[in-house]
PDB file of all heavy atoms in Angstrom:
ATOM      1  N   LEU A   1       0.812  -1.208   0.000  1.00  0.00           N
ATOM      2  CA  LEU A   1       0.000   0.000   0.000  1.00  0.00           C
ATOM      3  C   LEU A   1       0.847   1.261   0.000  1.00  0.00           C
ATOM      4  O   LEU A   1       0.403   2.310  -0.473  1.00  0.00           O
ATOM      5  CB  LEU A   1      -0.923   0.011   1.228  1.00  0.00           C
ATOM      6  CG  LEU A   1      -1.998  -1.068   1.299  1.00  0.00           C
ATOM      7  CD1 LEU A   1      -2.716  -1.001   2.642  1.00  0.00           C
ATOM      8  CD2 LEU A   1      -2.985  -0.934   0.162  1.00  0.00           C
ATOM      9  N   CYS A   2       2.062   1.169   0.582  1.00  0.00           N
ATOM     10  CA  CYS A   2       2.971   2.326   0.691  1.00  0.00           C
ATOM     11  C   CYS A   2       2.255   3.503   1.352  1.00  0.00           C
ATOM     12  O   CYS A   2       2.324   4.645   0.876  1.00  0.00           O
ATOM     13  CB  CYS A   2       3.511   2.729  -0.671  1.00  0.00           C
ATOM     14  SG  CYS A   2       4.551   1.478  -1.434  1.00  0.00           S
ATOM     15  N   SER A   3       1.564   3.223   2.449  1.00  0.00           N
ATOM     16  CA  SER A   3       0.808   4.257   3.140  1.00  0.00           C
ATOM     17  C   SER A   3       0.687   3.902   4.612  1.00  0.00           C
ATOM     18  O   SER A   3       0.552   2.727   4.963  1.00  0.00           O
ATOM     19  CB  SER A   3      -0.586   4.388   2.523  1.00  0.00           C
ATOM     20  OG  SER A   3      -1.411   5.216   3.306  1.00  0.00           O
ATOM     21  N   ASP A   4       0.719   4.940   5.468  1.00  0.00           N
ATOM     22  CA  ASP A   4       0.505   4.732   6.896  1.00  0.00           C
ATOM     23  C   ASP A   4      -0.961   4.869   7.291  1.00  0.00           C
ATOM     24  O   ASP A   4      -1.295   4.812   8.467  1.00  0.00           O
ATOM     25  CB  ASP A   4       1.334   5.743   7.704  1.00  0.00           C
ATOM     26  CG  ASP A   4       2.807   5.373   7.731  1.00  0.00           C
ATOM     27  OD1 ASP A   4       3.167   4.322   7.181  1.00  0.00           O
ATOM     28  OD2 ASP A   4       3.598   6.144   8.303  1.00  0.00           O
ATOM     29  N   VAL A   5      -1.836   5.071   6.318  1.00  0.00           N
ATOM     30  CA  VAL A   5      -3.264   5.122   6.626  1.00  0.00           C
ATOM     31  C   VAL A   5      -3.706   3.760   7.169  1.00  0.00           C
ATOM     32  O   VAL A   5      -3.359   2.718   6.584  1.00  0.00           O
ATOM     33  CB  VAL A   5      -4.067   5.469   5.354  1.00  0.00           C
ATOM     34  CG1 VAL A   5      -5.563   5.393   5.628  1.00  0.00           C
ATOM     35  CG2 VAL A   5      -3.684   6.863   4.854  1.00  0.00           C
ATOM     36  N   PRO A   6      -4.446   3.721   8.298  1.00  0.00           N
ATOM     37  CA  PRO A   6      -4.871   2.430   8.869  1.00  0.00           C
ATOM     38  C   PRO A   6      -5.951   1.776   8.031  1.00  0.00           C
ATOM     39  O   PRO A   6      -7.146   1.795   8.365  1.00  0.00           O
ATOM     40  CB  PRO A   6      -5.366   2.815  10.263  1.00  0.00           C
ATOM     41  CG  PRO A   6      -5.834   4.228  10.122  1.00  0.00           C
ATOM     42  CD  PRO A   6      -4.905   4.861   9.121  1.00  0.00           C
ATOM     43  N   ALA A   7      -5.545   1.170   6.921  1.00  0.00           N
ATOM     44  CA  ALA A   7      -6.490   0.684   5.916  1.00  0.00           C
ATOM     45  C   ALA A   7      -7.486  -0.313   6.482  1.00  0.00           C
ATOM     46  O   ALA A   7      -8.687  -0.249   6.188  1.00  0.00           O
ATOM     47  CB  ALA A   7      -5.713   0.054   4.753  1.00  0.00           C
ATOM     48  N   SER A   8      -7.013  -1.251   7.280  1.00  0.00           N
ATOM     49  CA  SER A   8      -7.899  -2.271   7.821  1.00  0.00           C
ATOM     50  C   SER A   8      -8.959  -1.668   8.725  1.00  0.00           C
ATOM     51  O   SER A   8     -10.140  -2.034   8.664  1.00  0.00           O
ATOM     52  CB  SER A   8      -7.094  -3.316   8.595  1.00  0.00           C
ATOM     53  OG  SER A   8      -7.949  -4.240   9.222  1.00  0.00           O
ATOM     54  N   SER A   9      -8.546  -0.716   9.574  1.00  0.00           N
ATOM     55  CA  SER A   9      -9.498  -0.083  10.481  1.00  0.00           C
ATOM     56  C   SER A   9     -10.532   0.724   9.706  1.00  0.00           C
ATOM     57  O   SER A   9     -11.696   0.810  10.115  1.00  0.00           O
ATOM     58  CB  SER A   9      -8.751   0.811  11.475  1.00  0.00           C
ATOM     59  OG  SER A   9      -7.949   0.017  12.339  1.00  0.00           O
ATOM     60  N   LEU A  10     -10.139   1.321   8.594  1.00  0.00           N
ATOM     61  CA  LEU A  10     -11.093   2.067   7.772  1.00  0.00           C
ATOM     62  C   LEU A  10     -12.085   1.121   7.098  1.00  0.00           C
ATOM     63  O   LEU A  10     -13.272   1.447   6.956  1.00  0.00           O
ATOM     64  CB  LEU A  10     -10.360   2.908   6.731  1.00  0.00           C
ATOM     65  CG  LEU A  10      -9.407   3.979   7.276  1.00  0.00           C
ATOM     66  CD1 LEU A  10      -8.902   4.872   6.155  1.00  0.00           C
ATOM     67  CD2 LEU A  10     -10.069   4.817   8.357  1.00  0.00           C
ATOM     68  N   GLU A  11     -11.625  -0.055   6.698  1.00  0.00           N
ATOM     69  CA  GLU A  11     -12.548  -1.053   6.144  1.00  0.00           C
ATOM     70  C   GLU A  11     -13.588  -1.454   7.182  1.00  0.00           C
ATOM     71  O   GLU A  11     -14.781  -1.597   6.880  1.00  0.00           O
ATOM     72  CB  GLU A  11     -11.767  -2.283   5.684  1.00  0.00           C
ATOM     73  CG  GLU A  11     -10.890  -2.061   4.462  1.00  0.00           C
ATOM     74  CD  GLU A  11     -10.027  -3.269   4.169  1.00  0.00           C
ATOM     75  OE1 GLU A  11     -10.241  -4.322   4.815  1.00  0.00           O
ATOM     76  OE2 GLU A  11      -9.131  -3.167   3.314  1.00  0.00           O
ATOM     77  N   THR A  12     -13.137  -1.644   8.424  1.00  0.00           N
ATOM     78  CA  THR A  12     -14.063  -1.994   9.501  1.00  0.00           C
ATOM     79  C   THR A  12     -15.075  -0.879   9.715  1.00  0.00           C
ATOM     80  O   THR A  12     -16.273  -1.136   9.944  1.00  0.00           O
ATOM     81  CB  THR A  12     -13.296  -2.277  10.804  1.00  0.00           C
ATOM     82  OG1 THR A  12     -12.335  -3.313  10.573  1.00  0.00           O
ATOM     83  CG2 THR A  12     -14.227  -2.699  11.926  1.00  0.00           C
ATOM     84  N   LEU A  13     -14.612   0.375   9.653  1.00  0.00           N
ATOM     85  CA  LEU A  13     -15.524   1.507   9.793  1.00  0.00           C
ATOM     86  C   LEU A  13     -16.625   1.469   8.740  1.00  0.00           C
ATOM     87  O   LEU A  13     -17.802   1.695   9.037  1.00  0.00           O
ATOM     88  CB  LEU A  13     -14.760   2.820   9.646  1.00  0.00           C
ATOM     89  CG  LEU A  13     -14.129   3.465  10.875  1.00  0.00           C
ATOM     90  CD1 LEU A  13     -13.563   4.832  10.509  1.00  0.00           C
ATOM     91  CD2 LEU A  13     -15.116   3.592  12.023  1.00  0.00           C
ATOM     92  N   ARG A  14     -16.249   1.191   7.510  1.00  0.00           N
ATOM     93  CA  ARG A  14     -17.251   1.178   6.439  1.00  0.00           C
ATOM     94  C   ARG A  14     -18.262   0.054   6.655  1.00  0.00           C
ATOM     95  O   ARG A  14     -19.463   0.240   6.438  1.00  0.00           O
ATOM     96  CB  ARG A  14     -16.549   1.072   5.080  1.00  0.00           C
ATOM     97  CG  ARG A  14     -15.749   2.327   4.741  1.00  0.00           C
ATOM     98  CD  ARG A  14     -15.212   2.315   3.312  1.00  0.00           C
ATOM     99  NE  ARG A  14     -14.599   3.600   3.010  1.00  0.00           N
ATOM    100  CZ  ARG A  14     -13.304   3.881   3.159  1.00  0.00           C
ATOM    101  NH1 ARG A  14     -12.478   2.931   3.583  1.00  0.00           N
ATOM    102  NH2 ARG A  14     -12.836   5.084   2.876  1.00  0.00           N
ATOM    103  N   ARG A  15     -17.781  -1.115   7.091  1.00  0.00           N
ATOM    104  CA  ARG A  15     -18.719  -2.207   7.382  1.00  0.00           C
ATOM    105  C   ARG A  15     -19.613  -1.865   8.569  1.00  0.00           C
ATOM    106  O   ARG A  15     -20.687  -2.443   8.734  1.00  0.00           O
ATOM    107  CB  ARG A  15     -17.953  -3.507   7.674  1.00  0.00           C
ATOM    108  CG  ARG A  15     -17.298  -4.128   6.462  1.00  0.00           C
ATOM    109  CD  ARG A  15     -16.883  -5.569   6.744  1.00  0.00           C
ATOM    110  NE  ARG A  15     -15.938  -5.665   7.845  1.00  0.00           N
ATOM    111  CZ  ARG A  15     -14.622  -5.581   7.725  1.00  0.00           C
ATOM    112  NH1 ARG A  15     -14.076  -5.390   6.529  1.00  0.00           N
ATOM    113  NH2 ARG A  15     -13.823  -5.690   8.775  1.00  0.00           N
ATOM    114  N   ALA A  16     -19.147  -0.927   9.409  1.00  0.00           N
ATOM    115  CA  ALA A  16     -19.908  -0.523  10.590  1.00  0.00           C
ATOM    116  C   ALA A  16     -20.884   0.610  10.297  1.00  0.00           C
ATOM    117  O   ALA A  16     -21.550   1.109  11.202  1.00  0.00           O
ATOM    118  CB  ALA A  16     -18.951  -0.097  11.701  1.00  0.00           C
ATOM    119  N   GLY A  17     -20.970   1.051   9.028  1.00  0.00           N
ATOM    120  CA  GLY A  17     -21.900   2.118   8.676  1.00  0.00           C
ATOM    121  C   GLY A  17     -21.353   3.508   8.873  1.00  0.00           C
ATOM    122  O   GLY A  17     -22.121   4.476   8.940  1.00  0.00           O
ATOM    123  N   ALA A  18     -20.026   3.643   8.961  1.00  0.00           N
ATOM    124  CA  ALA A  18     -19.388   4.945   9.198  1.00  0.00           C
ATOM    125  C   ALA A  18     -18.481   5.309   8.029  1.00  0.00           C
ATOM    126  O   ALA A  18     -17.323   5.694   8.214  1.00  0.00           O
ATOM    127  CB  ALA A  18     -18.604   4.921  10.506  1.00  0.00           C
ATOM    128  N   GLY A  19     -19.018   5.215   6.811  1.00  0.00           N
ATOM    129  CA  GLY A  19     -18.218   5.501   5.629  1.00  0.00           C
ATOM    130  C   GLY A  19     -17.720   6.930   5.573  1.00  0.00           C
ATOM    131  O   GLY A  19     -16.591   7.191   5.142  1.00  0.00           O
ATOM    132  N   GLU A  20     -18.537   7.888   6.011  1.00  0.00           N
ATOM    133  CA  GLU A  20     -18.116   9.296   5.964  1.00  0.00           C
ATOM    134  C   GLU A  20     -16.942   9.529   6.895  1.00  0.00           C
ATOM    135  O   GLU A  20     -15.979  10.235   6.541  1.00  0.00           O
ATOM    136  CB  GLU A  20     -19.300  10.190   6.353  1.00  0.00           C
ATOM    137  CG  GLU A  20     -19.023  11.674   6.224  1.00  0.00           C
ATOM    138  CD  GLU A  20     -18.372  12.298   7.458  1.00  0.00           C
ATOM    139  OE1 GLU A  20     -18.568  11.736   8.566  1.00  0.00           O
ATOM    140  OE2 GLU A  20     -17.654  13.309   7.310  1.00  0.00           O
ATOM    141  N   LEU A  21     -16.977   8.943   8.082  1.00  0.00           N
ATOM    142  CA  LEU A  21     -15.854   9.070   9.010  1.00  0.00           C
ATOM    143  C   LEU A  21     -14.609   8.400   8.441  1.00  0.00           C
ATOM    144  O   LEU A  21     -13.490   8.927   8.558  1.00  0.00           O
ATOM    145  CB  LEU A  21     -16.219   8.457  10.362  1.00  0.00           C
ATOM    146  CG  LEU A  21     -15.127   8.484  11.437  1.00  0.00           C
ATOM    147  CD1 LEU A  21     -14.727   9.911  11.785  1.00  0.00           C
ATOM    148  CD2 LEU A  21     -15.586   7.740  12.690  1.00  0.00           C
ATOM    149  N   ALA A  22     -14.782   7.247   7.800  1.00  0.00           N
ATOM    150  CA  ALA A  22     -13.644   6.567   7.184  1.00  0.00           C
ATOM    151  C   ALA A  22     -12.988   7.454   6.125  1.00  0.00           C
ATOM    152  O   ALA A  22     -11.760   7.534   6.038  1.00  0.00           O
ATOM    153  CB  ALA A  22     -14.095   5.245   6.567  1.00  0.00           C
ATOM    154  N   ASP A  23     -13.805   8.137   5.335  1.00  0.00           N
ATOM    155  CA  ASP A  23     -13.252   9.032   4.311  1.00  0.00           C
ATOM    156  C   ASP A  23     -12.490  10.188   4.955  1.00  0.00           C
ATOM    157  O   ASP A  23     -11.411  10.571   4.477  1.00  0.00           O
ATOM    158  CB  ASP A  23     -14.373   9.585   3.433  1.00  0.00           C
ATOM    159  CG  ASP A  23     -15.004   8.518   2.548  1.00  0.00           C
ATOM    160  OD1 ASP A  23     -14.365   7.460   2.333  1.00  0.00           O
ATOM    161  OD2 ASP A  23     -16.141   8.731   2.085  1.00  0.00           O
ATOM    162  N   ARG A  24     -13.034  10.747   6.037  1.00  0.00           N
ATOM    163  CA  ARG A  24     -12.360  11.861   6.710  1.00  0.00           C
ATOM    164  C   ARG A  24     -11.015  11.428   7.285  1.00  0.00           C
ATOM    165  O   ARG A  24     -10.010  12.132   7.139  1.00  0.00           O
ATOM    166  CB  ARG A  24     -13.234  12.423   7.828  1.00  0.00           C
ATOM    167  CG  ARG A  24     -14.264  13.432   7.364  1.00  0.00           C
ATOM    168  CD  ARG A  24     -14.798  14.227   8.531  1.00  0.00           C
ATOM    169  NE  ARG A  24     -15.671  13.440   9.379  1.00  0.00           N
ATOM    170  CZ  ARG A  24     -15.582  13.392  10.704  1.00  0.00           C
ATOM    171  NH1 ARG A  24     -14.634  14.057  11.343  1.00  0.00           N
ATOM    172  NH2 ARG A  24     -16.443  12.664  11.402  1.00  0.00           N
ATOM    173  N   ILE A  25     -10.994  10.289   7.947  1.00  0.00           N
ATOM    174  CA  ILE A  25      -9.746   9.832   8.556  1.00  0.00           C
ATOM    175  C   ILE A  25      -8.750   9.444   7.480  1.00  0.00           C
ATOM    176  O   ILE A  25      -7.548   9.717   7.594  1.00  0.00           O
ATOM    177  CB  ILE A  25     -10.026   8.664   9.515  1.00  0.00           C
ATOM    178  CG1 ILE A  25     -10.813   9.180  10.724  1.00  0.00           C
ATOM    179  CG2 ILE A  25      -8.718   8.001   9.969  1.00  0.00           C
ATOM    180  CD1 ILE A  25     -11.236   8.114  11.690  1.00  0.00           C
ATOM    181  N   GLY A  26      -9.221   8.832   6.399  1.00  0.00           N
ATOM    182  CA  GLY A  26      -8.338   8.463   5.318  1.00  0.00           C
ATOM    183  C   GLY A  26      -7.656   9.656   4.683  1.00  0.00           C
ATOM    184  O   GLY A  26      -6.535   9.546   4.166  1.00  0.00           O
ATOM    185  N   ALA A  27      -8.324  10.826   4.717  1.00  0.00           N
ATOM    186  CA  ALA A  27      -7.767  12.031   4.114  1.00  0.00           C
ATOM    187  C   ALA A  27      -6.817  12.783   5.053  1.00  0.00           C
ATOM    188  O   ALA A  27      -6.168  13.739   4.634  1.00  0.00           O
ATOM    189  CB  ALA A  27      -8.899  12.965   3.687  1.00  0.00           C
ATOM    190  N   MET A  28      -6.721  12.364   6.302  1.00  0.00           N
ATOM    191  CA  MET A  28      -5.861  13.051   7.263  1.00  0.00           C
ATOM    192  C   MET A  28      -4.391  12.740   7.008  1.00  0.00           C
ATOM    193  O   MET A  28      -4.040  11.773   6.337  1.00  0.00           O
ATOM    194  CB  MET A  28      -6.231  12.627   8.692  1.00  0.00           C
ATOM    195  CG  MET A  28      -7.579  13.113   9.165  1.00  0.00           C
ATOM    196  SD  MET A  28      -7.925  12.474  10.846  1.00  0.00           S
ATOM    197  CE  MET A  28      -9.523  13.212  11.136  1.00  0.00           C
ATOM    198  N   ASP A  29      -3.534  13.567   7.589  1.00  0.00           N
ATOM    199  CA  ASP A  29      -2.094  13.336   7.538  1.00  0.00           C
ATOM    200  C   ASP A  29      -1.741  12.309   8.605  1.00  0.00           C
ATOM    201  O   ASP A  29      -1.900  12.568   9.794  1.00  0.00           O
ATOM    202  CB  ASP A  29      -1.340  14.643   7.790  1.00  0.00           C
ATOM    203  CG  ASP A  29       0.179  14.471   7.760  1.00  0.00           C
ATOM    204  OD1 ASP A  29       0.644  13.363   7.444  1.00  0.00           O
ATOM    205  OD2 ASP A  29       0.878  15.450   8.067  1.00  0.00           O
ATOM    206  N   HIS A  30      -1.264  11.152   8.185  1.00  0.00           N
ATOM    207  CA  HIS A  30      -0.906  10.085   9.127  1.00  0.00           C
ATOM    208  C   HIS A  30       0.601   9.984   9.336  1.00  0.00           C
ATOM    209  O   HIS A  30       1.101   8.975   9.822  1.00  0.00           O
ATOM    210  CB  HIS A  30      -1.471   8.753   8.640  1.00  0.00           C
ATOM    211  CG  HIS A  30      -2.963   8.715   8.658  1.00  0.00           C
ATOM    212  ND1 HIS A  30      -3.696   8.334   9.762  1.00  0.00           N
ATOM    213  CD2 HIS A  30      -3.869   9.043   7.705  1.00  0.00           C
ATOM    214  CE1 HIS A  30      -4.985   8.417   9.493  1.00  0.00           C
ATOM    215  NE2 HIS A  30      -5.124   8.845   8.247  1.00  0.00           N
ATOM    216  N   GLY A  31       1.320  11.022   8.970  1.00  0.00           N
ATOM    217  CA  GLY A  31       2.750  11.063   9.257  1.00  0.00           C
ATOM    218  C   GLY A  31       3.631  10.719   8.083  1.00  0.00           C
ATOM    219  O   GLY A  31       4.844  10.917   8.137  1.00  0.00           O
ATOM    220  N   GLY A  32       3.052  10.209   7.020  1.00  0.00           N
ATOM    221  CA  GLY A  32       3.865   9.883   5.849  1.00  0.00           C
ATOM    222  C   GLY A  32       4.499   8.515   5.955  1.00  0.00           C
ATOM    223  O   GLY A  32       4.995   8.122   7.008  1.00  0.00           O
TER     224      GLY A  32
END
């Protein structure tokens, strides 16, 4: 993935009905 975004946790968020929050967190700066 070459990314520090917590991809697995964002997938769980989407399955939990929190897709908008997943998009917001995915767009944040995770340190590079």
